[in-house]
All heavy atoms as atom14 arrays in JSON, in Angstrom:
{
  "sequence": "NIATEHVYDFSPAKAGTGPQRLGYVHNILREHFMYLRQEG",
  "atom14_mask": [
    [1, 1, 1, 1, 1, 1, 1, 1, 0, 0, 0, 0, 0, 0],
    [1, 1, 1, 1, 1, 1, 1, 1, 0, 0, 0, 0, 0, 0],
    [1, 1, 1, 1, 1, 0, 0, 0, 0, 0, 0, 0, 0, 0],
    [1, 1, 1, 1, 1, 1, 1, 0, 0, 0, 0, 0, 0, 0],
    [1, 1, 1, 1, 1, 1, 1, 1, 1, 0, 0, 0, 0, 0],
    [1, 1, 1, 1, 1, 1, 1, 1, 1, 1, 0, 0, 0, 0],
    [1, 1, 1, 1, 1, 1, 1, 0, 0, 0, 0, 0, 0, 0],
    [1, 1, 1, 1, 1, 1, 1, 1, 1, 1, 1, 1, 0, 0],
    [1, 1, 1, 1, 1, 1, 1, 1, 0, 0, 0, 0, 0, 0],
    [1, 1, 1, 1, 1, 1, 1, 1, 1, 1, 1, 0, 0, 0],
    [1, 1, 1, 1, 1, 1, 0, 0, 0, 0, 0, 0, 0, 0],
    [1, 1, 1, 1, 1, 1, 1, 0, 0, 0, 0, 0, 0, 0],
    [1, 1, 1, 1, 1, 0, 0, 0, 0, 0, 0, 0, 0, 0],
    [1, 1, 1, 1, 1, 1, 1, 1, 1, 0, 0, 0, 0, 0],
    [1, 1, 1, 1, 1, 0, 0, 0, 0, 0, 0, 0, 0, 0],
    [1, 1, 1, 1, 0, 0, 0, 0, 0, 0, 0, 0, 0, 0],
    [1, 1, 1, 1, 1, 1, 1, 0, 0, 0, 0, 0, 0, 0],
    [1, 1, 1, 1, 0, 0, 0, 0, 0, 0, 0, 0, 0, 0],
    [1, 1, 1, 1, 1, 1, 1, 0, 0, 0, 0, 0, 0, 0],
    [1, 1, 1, 1, 1, 1, 1, 1, 1, 0, 0, 0, 0, 0],
    [1, 1, 1, 1, 1, 1, 1, 1, 1, 1, 1, 0, 0, 0],
    [1, 1, 1, 1, 1, 1, 1, 1, 0, 0, 0, 0, 0, 0],
    [1, 1, 1, 1, 0, 0, 0, 0, 0, 0, 0, 0, 0, 0],
    [1, 1, 1, 1, 1, 1, 1, 1, 1, 1, 1, 1, 0, 0],
    [1, 1, 1, 1, 1, 1, 1, 0, 0, 0, 0, 0, 0, 0],
    [1, 1, 1, 1, 1, 1, 1, 1, 1, 1, 0, 0, 0, 0],
    [1, 1, 1, 1, 1, 1, 1, 1, 0, 0, 0, 0, 0, 0],
    [1, 1, 1, 1, 1, 1, 1, 1, 0, 0, 0, 0, 0, 0],
    [1, 1, 1, 1, 1, 1, 1, 1, 0, 0, 0, 0, 0, 0],
    [1, 1, 1, 1, 1, 1, 1, 1, 1, 1, 1, 0, 0, 0],
    [1, 1, 1, 1, 1, 1, 1, 1, 1, 0, 0, 0, 0, 0],
    [1, 1, 1, 1, 1, 1, 1, 1, 1, 1, 0, 0, 0, 0],
    [1, 1, 1, 1, 1, 1, 1, 1, 1, 1, 1, 0, 0, 0],
    [1, 1, 1, 1, 1, 1, 1, 1, 0, 0, 0, 0, 0, 0],
    [1, 1, 1, 1, 1, 1, 1, 1, 1, 1, 1, 1, 0, 0],
    [1, 1, 1, 1, 1, 1, 1, 1, 0, 0, 0, 0, 0, 0],
    [1, 1, 1, 1, 1, 1, 1, 1, 1, 1, 1, 0, 0, 0],
    [1, 1, 1, 1, 1, 1, 1, 1, 1, 0, 0, 0, 0, 0],
    [1, 1, 1, 1, 1, 1, 1, 1, 1, 0, 0, 0, 0, 0],
    [1, 1, 1, 1, 0, 0, 0, 0, 0, 0, 0, 0, 0, 0]
  ],
  "atom14_positions": [
    [[148.41, 127.61, 50.1], [149.77, 127.31, 49.65], [150.82, 127.9, 50.58], [151.9, 128.29, 50.16], [150.0, 127.76, 48.2], [151.16, 127.01, 47.56], [151.38, 125.83, 47.84], [151.91, 127.69, 46.73], [0.0, 0.0, 0.0], [0.0, 0.0, 0.0], [0.0, 0.0, 0.0], [0.0, 0.0, 0.0], [0.0, 0.0, 0.0], [0.0, 0.0, 0.0]],
    [[150.48, 127.96, 51.87], [151.41, 128.5, 52.86], [151.97, 127.36, 53.71], [151.21, 126.51, 54.18], [150.72, 129.55, 53.76], [150.34, 130.78, 52.92], [151.61, 129.94, 54.93], [149.56, 131.82, 53.68], [0.0, 0.0, 0.0], [0.0, 0.0, 0.0], [0.0, 0.0, 0.0], [0.0, 0.0, 0.0], [0.0, 0.0, 0.0], [0.0, 0.0, 0.0]],
    [[153.27, 127.4, 53.88], [153.96, 126.42, 54.74], [154.64, 127.17, 55.88], [155.24, 128.23, 55.66], [154.98, 125.63, 53.95], [0.0, 0.0, 0.0], [0.0, 0.0, 0.0], [0.0, 0.0, 0.0], [0.0, 0.0, 0.0], [0.0, 0.0, 0.0], [0.0, 0.0, 0.0], [0.0, 0.0, 0.0], [0.0, 0.0, 0.0], [0.0, 0.0, 0.0]],
    [[154.53, 126.62, 57.07], [155.19, 127.2, 58.24], [156.2, 126.19, 58.75], [155.87, 125.03, 58.96], [154.15, 127.52, 59.35], [153.15, 128.36, 58.78], [154.81, 128.22, 60.5], [0.0, 0.0, 0.0], [0.0, 0.0, 0.0], [0.0, 0.0, 0.0], [0.0, 0.0, 0.0], [0.0, 0.0, 0.0], [0.0, 0.0, 0.0], [0.0, 0.0, 0.0]],
    [[157.41, 126.66, 58.96], [158.53, 125.79, 59.31], [159.04, 126.13, 60.7], [159.23, 127.29, 61.02], [159.6, 126.05, 58.25], [160.9, 125.37, 58.4], [161.84, 125.77, 57.28], [161.54, 125.56, 56.1], [162.92, 126.3, 57.62], [0.0, 0.0, 0.0], [0.0, 0.0, 0.0], [0.0, 0.0, 0.0], [0.0, 0.0, 0.0], [0.0, 0.0, 0.0]],
    [[159.25, 125.09, 61.5], [159.89, 125.24, 62.81], [161.03, 124.22, 62.88], [160.81, 123.05, 62.6], [158.91, 124.98, 63.95], [157.86, 126.02, 64.08], [156.68, 125.99, 63.39], [157.82, 127.13, 64.83], [155.96, 127.04, 63.71], [156.63, 127.76, 64.58], [0.0, 0.0, 0.0], [0.0, 0.0, 0.0], [0.0, 0.0, 0.0], [0.0, 0.0, 0.0]],
    [[162.2, 124.69, 63.27], [163.34, 123.79, 63.42], [163.81, 123.89, 64.87], [164.08, 124.98, 65.37], [164.49, 124.16, 62.46], [165.68, 123.24, 62.66], [164.01, 124.1, 61.01], [0.0, 0.0, 0.0], [0.0, 0.0, 0.0], [0.0, 0.0, 0.0], [0.0, 0.0, 0.0], [0.0, 0.0, 0.0], [0.0, 0.0, 0.0], [0.0, 0.0, 0.0]],
    [[163.85, 122.74, 65.54], [164.22, 122.69, 66.95], [165.6, 122.09, 67.1], [165.97, 121.15, 66.41], [163.21, 121.84, 67.73], [161.84, 122.48, 67.76], [160.83, 122.03, 66.93], [161.58, 123.54, 68.62], [159.58, 122.61, 66.96], [160.33, 124.13, 68.65], [159.33, 123.67, 67.82], [158.11, 124.26, 67.84], [0.0, 0.0, 0.0], [0.0, 0.0, 0.0]],
    [[166.35, 122.63, 68.06], [167.7, 122.16, 68.37], [167.6, 121.18, 69.54], [167.23, 121.56, 70.65], [168.56, 123.38, 68.76], [169.97, 123.0, 69.17], [170.34, 121.8, 69.12], [170.73, 123.91, 69.55], [0.0, 0.0, 0.0], [0.0, 0.0, 0.0], [0.0, 0.0, 0.0], [0.0, 0.0, 0.0], [0.0, 0.0, 0.0], [0.0, 0.0, 0.0]],
    [[167.89, 119.92, 69.27], [167.89, 118.91, 70.31], [169.29, 118.41, 70.62], [169.48, 117.3, 71.11], [167.01, 117.72, 69.91], [165.55, 118.04, 69.8], [164.74, 117.31, 68.94], [164.97, 119.06, 70.53], [163.39, 117.58, 68.85], [163.62, 119.35, 70.43], [162.83, 118.61, 69.58], [0.0, 0.0, 0.0], [0.0, 0.0, 0.0], [0.0, 0.0, 0.0]],
    [[170.29, 119.22, 70.32], [171.66, 118.81, 70.58], [171.86, 118.66, 72.09], [171.15, 119.3, 72.88], [172.63, 119.86, 70.03], [172.48, 121.08, 70.74], [0.0, 0.0, 0.0], [0.0, 0.0, 0.0], [0.0, 0.0, 0.0], [0.0, 0.0, 0.0], [0.0, 0.0, 0.0], [0.0, 0.0, 0.0], [0.0, 0.0, 0.0], [0.0, 0.0, 0.0]],
    [[172.81, 117.83, 72.51], [173.05, 117.67, 73.95], [173.35, 118.99, 74.66], [172.97, 119.16, 75.82], [174.24, 116.72, 74.0], [174.14, 115.93, 72.74], [173.62, 116.9, 71.71], [0.0, 0.0, 0.0], [0.0, 0.0, 0.0], [0.0, 0.0, 0.0], [0.0, 0.0, 0.0], [0.0, 0.0, 0.0], [0.0, 0.0, 0.0], [0.0, 0.0, 0.0]],
    [[173.99, 119.93, 73.98], [174.28, 121.23, 74.61], [172.99, 121.96, 74.96], [172.93, 122.66, 75.96], [175.12, 122.08, 73.67], [0.0, 0.0, 0.0], [0.0, 0.0, 0.0], [0.0, 0.0, 0.0], [0.0, 0.0, 0.0], [0.0, 0.0, 0.0], [0.0, 0.0, 0.0], [0.0, 0.0, 0.0], [0.0, 0.0, 0.0], [0.0, 0.0, 0.0]],
    [[171.96, 121.79, 74.15], [170.69, 122.48, 74.39], [169.73, 121.63, 75.24], [169.06, 122.14, 76.12], [170.05, 122.8, 73.03], [168.68, 123.38, 73.08], [168.75, 124.87, 73.26], [167.36, 125.44, 73.12], [167.33, 126.85, 73.22], [0.0, 0.0, 0.0], [0.0, 0.0, 0.0], [0.0, 0.0, 0.0], [0.0, 0.0, 0.0], [0.0, 0.0, 0.0]],
    [[169.65, 120.35, 74.92], [168.62, 119.5, 75.52], [169.12, 118.6, 76.65], [168.32, 117.93, 77.29], [167.99, 118.62, 74.43], [0.0, 0.0, 0.0], [0.0, 0.0, 0.0], [0.0, 0.0, 0.0], [0.0, 0.0, 0.0], [0.0, 0.0, 0.0], [0.0, 0.0, 0.0], [0.0, 0.0, 0.0], [0.0, 0.0, 0.0], [0.0, 0.0, 0.0]],
    [[170.43, 118.56, 76.87], [170.96, 117.66, 77.88], [171.21, 116.29, 77.29], [171.23, 116.12, 76.07], [0.0, 0.0, 0.0], [0.0, 0.0, 0.0], [0.0, 0.0, 0.0], [0.0, 0.0, 0.0], [0.0, 0.0, 0.0], [0.0, 0.0, 0.0], [0.0, 0.0, 0.0], [0.0, 0.0, 0.0], [0.0, 0.0, 0.0], [0.0, 0.0, 0.0]],
    [[171.38, 115.3, 78.16], [171.64, 113.93, 77.7], [170.75, 112.96, 78.47], [170.13, 113.31, 79.48], [173.12, 113.55, 77.94], [173.41, 113.68, 79.33], [174.06, 114.43, 77.14], [0.0, 0.0, 0.0], [0.0, 0.0, 0.0], [0.0, 0.0, 0.0], [0.0, 0.0, 0.0], [0.0, 0.0, 0.0], [0.0, 0.0, 0.0], [0.0, 0.0, 0.0]],
    [[170.69, 111.74, 77.97], [169.95, 110.67, 78.64], [168.48, 111.0, 78.83], [167.86, 111.63, 77.97], [0.0, 0.0, 0.0], [0.0, 0.0, 0.0], [0.0, 0.0, 0.0], [0.0, 0.0, 0.0], [0.0, 0.0, 0.0], [0.0, 0.0, 0.0], [0.0, 0.0, 0.0], [0.0, 0.0, 0.0], [0.0, 0.0, 0.0], [0.0, 0.0, 0.0]],
    [[167.92, 110.59, 79.96], [166.49, 110.82, 80.22], [166.09, 112.3, 80.19], [165.0, 112.65, 79.76], [166.28, 110.23, 81.61], [167.36, 109.21, 81.76], [168.53, 109.77, 81.01], [0.0, 0.0, 0.0], [0.0, 0.0, 0.0], [0.0, 0.0, 0.0], [0.0, 0.0, 0.0], [0.0, 0.0, 0.0], [0.0, 0.0, 0.0], [0.0, 0.0, 0.0]],
    [[167.02, 113.16, 80.63], [166.73, 114.6, 80.6], [166.45, 115.06, 79.16], [165.53, 115.82, 78.89], [167.91, 115.39, 81.17], [167.74, 116.91, 81.06], [169.0, 117.65, 81.46], [169.96, 117.08, 81.97], [169.0, 118.95, 81.22], [0.0, 0.0, 0.0], [0.0, 0.0, 0.0], [0.0, 0.0, 0.0], [0.0, 0.0, 0.0], [0.0, 0.0, 0.0]],
    [[167.26, 114.58, 78.24], [167.08, 114.93, 76.83], [165.76, 114.4, 76.29], [165.04, 115.1, 75.57], [168.25, 114.38, 76.02], [168.2, 114.78, 74.57], [169.41, 114.25, 73.88], [169.54, 114.82, 72.56], [170.29, 114.31, 71.63], [171.01, 113.24, 71.88], [170.37, 114.87, 70.45], [0.0, 0.0, 0.0], [0.0, 0.0, 0.0], [0.0, 0.0, 0.0]],
    [[165.45, 113.17, 76.61], [164.19, 112.6, 76.14], [162.99, 113.4, 76.65], [162.04, 113.65, 75.91], [164.08, 111.13, 76.56], [165.14, 110.19, 75.98], [165.0, 108.8, 76.56], [165.07, 110.18, 74.46], [0.0, 0.0, 0.0], [0.0, 0.0, 0.0], [0.0, 0.0, 0.0], [0.0, 0.0, 0.0], [0.0, 0.0, 0.0], [0.0, 0.0, 0.0]],
    [[163.04, 113.81, 77.91], [161.96, 114.62, 78.47], [161.87, 115.97, 77.78], [160.77, 116.45, 77.48], [0.0, 0.0, 0.0], [0.0, 0.0, 0.0], [0.0, 0.0, 0.0], [0.0, 0.0, 0.0], [0.0, 0.0, 0.0], [0.0, 0.0, 0.0], [0.0, 0.0, 0.0], [0.0, 0.0, 0.0], [0.0, 0.0, 0.0], [0.0, 0.0, 0.0]],
    [[163.0, 116.56, 77.49], [163.03, 117.85, 76.8], [162.4, 117.73, 75.41], [161.54, 118.53, 75.03], [164.48, 118.34, 76.69], [164.64, 119.65, 75.97], [164.51, 120.86, 76.65], [164.93, 119.69, 74.61], [164.66, 122.07, 76.0], [165.08, 120.9, 73.95], [164.94, 122.08, 74.64], [165.08, 123.28, 73.98], [0.0, 0.0, 0.0], [0.0, 0.0, 0.0]],
    [[162.81, 116.71, 74.65], [162.28, 116.49, 73.31], [160.77, 116.26, 73.37], [160.0, 116.86, 72.6], [162.99, 115.29, 72.63], [162.28, 114.88, 71.35], [164.45, 115.63, 72.37], [0.0, 0.0, 0.0], [0.0, 0.0, 0.0], [0.0, 0.0, 0.0], [0.0, 0.0, 0.0], [0.0, 0.0, 0.0], [0.0, 0.0, 0.0], [0.0, 0.0, 0.0]],
    [[160.34, 115.42, 74.28], [158.91, 115.13, 74.4], [158.12, 116.4, 74.7], [157.1, 116.67, 74.08], [158.66, 114.09, 75.49], [157.21, 113.78, 75.67], [156.43, 114.43, 76.61], [156.39, 112.92, 75.02], [155.2, 113.98, 76.53], [155.16, 113.05, 75.57], [0.0, 0.0, 0.0], [0.0, 0.0, 0.0], [0.0, 0.0, 0.0], [0.0, 0.0, 0.0]],
    [[158.58, 117.18, 75.67], [157.86, 118.39, 76.05], [157.77, 119.41, 74.91], [156.7, 119.97, 74.66], [158.49, 119.04, 77.29], [158.29, 118.2, 78.52], [157.39, 117.38, 78.61], [159.17, 118.38, 79.49], [0.0, 0.0, 0.0], [0.0, 0.0, 0.0], [0.0, 0.0, 0.0], [0.0, 0.0, 0.0], [0.0, 0.0, 0.0], [0.0, 0.0, 0.0]],
    [[158.87, 119.63, 74.22], [158.89, 120.58, 73.09], [157.94, 120.11, 71.99], [157.12, 120.89, 71.48], [160.32, 120.76, 72.54], [161.21, 121.42, 73.57], [160.3, 121.52, 71.21], [160.91, 122.88, 73.85], [0.0, 0.0, 0.0], [0.0, 0.0, 0.0], [0.0, 0.0, 0.0], [0.0, 0.0, 0.0], [0.0, 0.0, 0.0], [0.0, 0.0, 0.0]],
    [[158.04, 118.84, 71.6], [157.21, 118.35, 70.5], [155.73, 118.3, 70.88], [154.87, 118.67, 70.1], [157.7, 116.99, 70.02], [159.06, 117.01, 69.32], [159.46, 115.6, 68.92], [159.05, 117.93, 68.12], [0.0, 0.0, 0.0], [0.0, 0.0, 0.0], [0.0, 0.0, 0.0], [0.0, 0.0, 0.0], [0.0, 0.0, 0.0], [0.0, 0.0, 0.0]],
    [[155.45, 117.86, 72.08], [154.04, 117.8, 72.53], [153.42, 119.2, 72.51], [152.31, 119.4, 72.04], [153.98, 117.2, 73.93], [152.59, 117.13, 74.51], [151.9, 115.84, 74.13], [150.8, 115.62, 75.04], [149.54, 115.73, 74.68], [149.21, 115.98, 73.45], [148.58, 115.54, 75.56], [0.0, 0.0, 0.0], [0.0, 0.0, 0.0], [0.0, 0.0, 0.0]],
    [[154.18, 120.17, 73.0], [153.69, 121.56, 73.0], [153.45, 122.04, 71.57], [152.44, 122.68, 71.27], [154.72, 122.45, 73.69], [154.3, 123.88, 73.85], [155.34, 124.67, 74.63], [155.62, 124.34, 75.8], [155.89, 125.62, 74.03], [0.0, 0.0, 0.0], [0.0, 0.0, 0.0], [0.0, 0.0, 0.0], [0.0, 0.0, 0.0], [0.0, 0.0, 0.0]],
    [[154.37, 121.72, 70.65], [154.21, 122.15, 69.26], [153.0, 121.46, 68.6], [152.24, 122.1, 67.88], [155.48, 121.88, 68.45], [155.41, 122.44, 67.07], [155.7, 123.74, 66.79], [155.03, 121.88, 65.9], [155.52, 123.97, 65.5], [155.12, 122.84, 64.94], [0.0, 0.0, 0.0], [0.0, 0.0, 0.0], [0.0, 0.0, 0.0], [0.0, 0.0, 0.0]],
    [[152.84, 120.18, 68.86], [151.71, 119.46, 68.26], [150.38, 120.0, 68.79], [149.4, 120.12, 68.04], [151.82, 117.95, 68.51], [153.07, 117.33, 67.9], [153.59, 116.16, 68.44], [153.72, 117.89, 66.81], [154.73, 115.58, 67.9], [154.86, 117.31, 66.26], [155.36, 116.15, 66.81], [0.0, 0.0, 0.0], [0.0, 0.0, 0.0], [0.0, 0.0, 0.0]],
    [[150.32, 120.35, 70.06], [149.1, 120.95, 70.61], [148.83, 122.3, 69.95], [147.69, 122.64, 69.64], [149.23, 121.12, 72.14], [149.3, 119.81, 72.9], [147.82, 118.79, 72.72], [146.66, 119.77, 73.65], [0.0, 0.0, 0.0], [0.0, 0.0, 0.0], [0.0, 0.0, 0.0], [0.0, 0.0, 0.0], [0.0, 0.0, 0.0], [0.0, 0.0, 0.0]],
    [[149.86, 123.07, 69.71], [149.74, 124.34, 69.01], [149.15, 124.13, 67.61], [148.27, 124.87, 67.17], [151.11, 125.03, 68.94], [151.2, 126.13, 67.94], [150.66, 127.39, 68.21], [151.82, 125.93, 66.7], [150.74, 128.41, 67.28], [151.91, 126.95, 65.78], [151.36, 128.18, 66.06], [151.43, 129.18, 65.13], [0.0, 0.0, 0.0], [0.0, 0.0, 0.0]],
    [[149.63, 123.11, 66.89], [149.13, 122.83, 65.54], [147.63, 122.53, 65.56], [146.9, 122.94, 64.66], [149.89, 121.67, 64.91], [151.32, 121.96, 64.5], [151.99, 120.69, 64.0], [151.39, 123.05, 63.46], [0.0, 0.0, 0.0], [0.0, 0.0, 0.0], [0.0, 0.0, 0.0], [0.0, 0.0, 0.0], [0.0, 0.0, 0.0], [0.0, 0.0, 0.0]],
    [[147.18, 121.81, 66.56], [145.75, 121.5, 66.67], [144.93, 122.77, 66.8], [143.8, 122.84, 66.34], [145.49, 120.58, 67.84], [145.87, 119.14, 67.55], [145.52, 118.2, 68.64], [144.2, 118.43, 69.21], [143.71, 117.76, 70.22], [144.44, 116.81, 70.77], [142.52, 117.99, 70.7], [0.0, 0.0, 0.0], [0.0, 0.0, 0.0], [0.0, 0.0, 0.0]],
    [[145.47, 123.77, 67.44], [144.76, 125.03, 67.61], [144.78, 125.89, 66.35], [143.9, 126.72, 66.15], [145.36, 125.83, 68.77], [145.19, 125.14, 70.1], [146.02, 125.81, 71.19], [146.71, 126.78, 70.96], [145.96, 125.25, 72.39], [0.0, 0.0, 0.0], [0.0, 0.0, 0.0], [0.0, 0.0, 0.0], [0.0, 0.0, 0.0], [0.0, 0.0, 0.0]],
    [[145.78, 125.68, 65.49], [145.93, 126.49, 64.28], [144.96, 126.12, 63.17], [144.72, 126.91, 62.28], [147.37, 126.38, 63.75], [148.36, 127.11, 64.59], [148.11, 128.61, 64.57], [148.2, 129.23, 63.51], [147.81, 129.16, 65.66], [0.0, 0.0, 0.0], [0.0, 0.0, 0.0], [0.0, 0.0, 0.0], [0.0, 0.0, 0.0], [0.0, 0.0, 0.0]],
    [[144.45, 124.92, 63.17], [143.55, 124.48, 62.12], [143.24, 123.01, 62.27], [143.68, 122.35, 63.2], [0.0, 0.0, 0.0], [0.0, 0.0, 0.0], [0.0, 0.0, 0.0], [0.0, 0.0, 0.0], [0.0, 0.0, 0.0], [0.0, 0.0, 0.0], [0.0, 0.0, 0.0], [0.0, 0.0, 0.0], [0.0, 0.0, 0.0], [0.0, 0.0, 0.0]]
  ]
}
């Protein structure tokens, strides 16, 4: 009954705009999803 929460900031100020932002979002999420696979 344990939940773990992660909230990521993808605002333009943090992630950039256009293709740069898309790459940033992809890299962050892919890394997090790989981490989840290792957790269980």
